[in-house]
Amino acid sequence: MTDARFEAFLAKIYVDERARVKFLADPRGEALKAGLTPQQIEDVVKIDREGLEMFAASLKRKKNHG
């Protein structure tokens, strides 16, 4: 079940701009609120922020064009 929670958290920050802004402002806090494991929290704290924004923009373009 934990992996599903982690995947859902990532999906949310990829597609939900408000969630992404909150995450980028406080990655550890948002990951804690989501109930992620300590290792998962450490993993998302180290996320490539530029890559996150680029992937989110790509998903948004795909949604709007297809």
C-alpha atoms as a PDB file:
ATOM      1  CA  MET A   1       0.000   0.000   0.000  1.00  0.00           C
ATOM      2  CA  THR A   2       2.879   2.352   0.711  1.00  0.00           C
ATOM      3  CA  ASP A   3       4.079   2.243  -2.896  1.00  0.00           C
ATOM      4  CA  ALA A   4       0.595   3.228  -4.078  1.00  0.00           C
ATOM      5  CA  ARG A   5       0.662   6.186  -1.685  1.00  0.00           C
ATOM      6  CA  PHE A   6       4.070   7.252  -3.003  1.00  0.00           C
ATOM      7  CA  GLU A   7       2.961   6.949  -6.626  1.00  0.00           C
ATOM      8  CA  ALA A   8      -0.229   8.899  -5.905  1.00  0.00           C
ATOM      9  CA  PHE A   9       1.818  11.646  -4.239  1.00  0.00           C
ATOM     10  CA  LEU A  10       4.121  11.925  -7.264  1.00  0.00           C
ATOM     11  CA  ALA A  11       1.204  11.908  -9.685  1.00  0.00           C
ATOM     12  CA  LYS A  12      -0.466  14.699  -7.756  1.00  0.00           C
ATOM     13  CA  ILE A  13       2.568  16.971  -7.796  1.00  0.00           C
ATOM     14  CA  TYR A  14       3.011  16.297 -11.520  1.00  0.00           C
ATOM     15  CA  VAL A  15      -0.548  17.238 -12.517  1.00  0.00           C
ATOM     16  CA  ASP A  16      -1.843  19.548  -9.767  1.00  0.00           C
ATOM     17  CA  GLU A  17      -0.149  22.939  -9.928  1.00  0.00           C
ATOM     18  CA  ARG A  18      -1.356  23.985  -6.475  1.00  0.00           C
ATOM     19  CA  ALA A  19      -0.012  20.760  -4.928  1.00  0.00           C
ATOM     20  CA  ARG A  20       3.279  21.247  -6.778  1.00  0.00           C
ATOM     21  CA  VAL A  21       3.680  24.819  -5.478  1.00  0.00           C
ATOM     22  CA  LYS A  22       2.999  23.642  -1.916  1.00  0.00           C
ATOM     23  CA  PHE A  23       5.449  20.775  -2.363  1.00  0.00           C
ATOM     24  CA  LEU A  24       8.199  23.000  -3.735  1.00  0.00           C
ATOM     25  CA  ALA A  25       7.732  25.410  -0.824  1.00  0.00           C
ATOM     26  CA  ASP A  26       7.968  22.614   1.774  1.00  0.00           C
ATOM     27  CA  PRO A  27       8.886  19.235   0.277  1.00  0.00           C
ATOM     28  CA  ARG A  28       9.454  17.454   3.585  1.00  0.00           C
ATOM     29  CA  GLY A  29       6.303  18.824   5.178  1.00  0.00           C
ATOM     30  CA  GLU A  30       4.092  17.904   2.230  1.00  0.00           C
ATOM     31  CA  ALA A  31       5.612  14.419   2.044  1.00  0.00           C
ATOM     32  CA  LEU A  32       5.005  13.944   5.774  1.00  0.00           C
ATOM     33  CA  LYS A  33       1.390  15.071   5.407  1.00  0.00           C
ATOM     34  CA  ALA A  34       0.975  12.524   2.607  1.00  0.00           C
ATOM     35  CA  GLY A  35       2.069   9.731   4.936  1.00  0.00           C
ATOM     36  CA  LEU A  36       5.182   8.735   3.023  1.00  0.00           C
ATOM     37  CA  THR A  37       7.821   6.545   4.634  1.00  0.00           C
ATOM     38  CA  PRO A  38      11.052   8.134   5.866  1.00  0.00           C
ATOM     39  CA  GLN A  39      12.941   6.771   2.820  1.00  0.00           C
ATOM     40  CA  GLN A  40      10.296   8.050   0.414  1.00  0.00           C
ATOM     41  CA  ILE A  41      10.435  11.453   2.084  1.00  0.00           C
ATOM     42  CA  GLU A  42      14.193  11.579   1.594  1.00  0.00           C
ATOM     43  CA  ASP A  43      13.744  10.556  -2.037  1.00  0.00           C
ATOM     44  CA  VAL A  44      11.220  13.302  -2.831  1.00  0.00           C
ATOM     45  CA  VAL A  45      13.206  15.937  -0.940  1.00  0.00           C
ATOM     46  CA  LYS A  46      16.055  15.255  -3.400  1.00  0.00           C
ATOM     47  CA  ILE A  47      13.783  15.446  -6.459  1.00  0.00           C
ATOM     48  CA  ASP A  48      15.136  17.319  -9.455  1.00  0.00           C
ATOM     49  CA  ARG A  49      12.996  20.448  -9.264  1.00  0.00           C
ATOM     50  CA  GLU A  50      13.731  21.549 -12.808  1.00  0.00           C
ATOM     51  CA  GLY A  51      12.896  18.082 -14.089  1.00  0.00           C
ATOM     52  CA  LEU A  52       9.683  18.094 -12.071  1.00  0.00           C
ATOM     53  CA  GLU A  53       8.592  21.389 -13.622  1.00  0.00           C
ATOM     54  CA  MET A  54       9.531  20.232 -17.125  1.00  0.00           C
ATOM     55  CA  PHE A  55       7.639  16.954 -16.768  1.00  0.00           C
ATOM     56  CA  ALA A  56       4.592  18.746 -15.347  1.00  0.00           C
ATOM     57  CA  ALA A  57       4.627  21.199 -18.271  1.00  0.00           C
ATOM     58  CA  SER A  58       4.894  18.290 -20.720  1.00  0.00           C
ATOM     59  CA  LEU A  59       1.895  16.557 -19.146  1.00  0.00           C
ATOM     60  CA  LYS A  60      -0.092  19.786 -19.280  1.00  0.00           C
ATOM     61  CA  ARG A  61       0.685  20.246 -22.987  1.00  0.00           C
ATOM     62  CA  LYS A  62      -0.355  16.651 -23.722  1.00  0.00           C
ATOM     63  CA  LYS A  63      -3.583  17.133 -21.805  1.00  0.00           C
ATOM     64  CA  ASN A  64      -4.399  20.334 -23.664  1.00  0.00           C
ATOM     65  CA  HIS A  65      -3.564  18.907 -27.101  1.00  0.00           C
ATOM     66  CA  GLY A  66      -4.724  15.423 -27.001  1.00  0.00           C
END
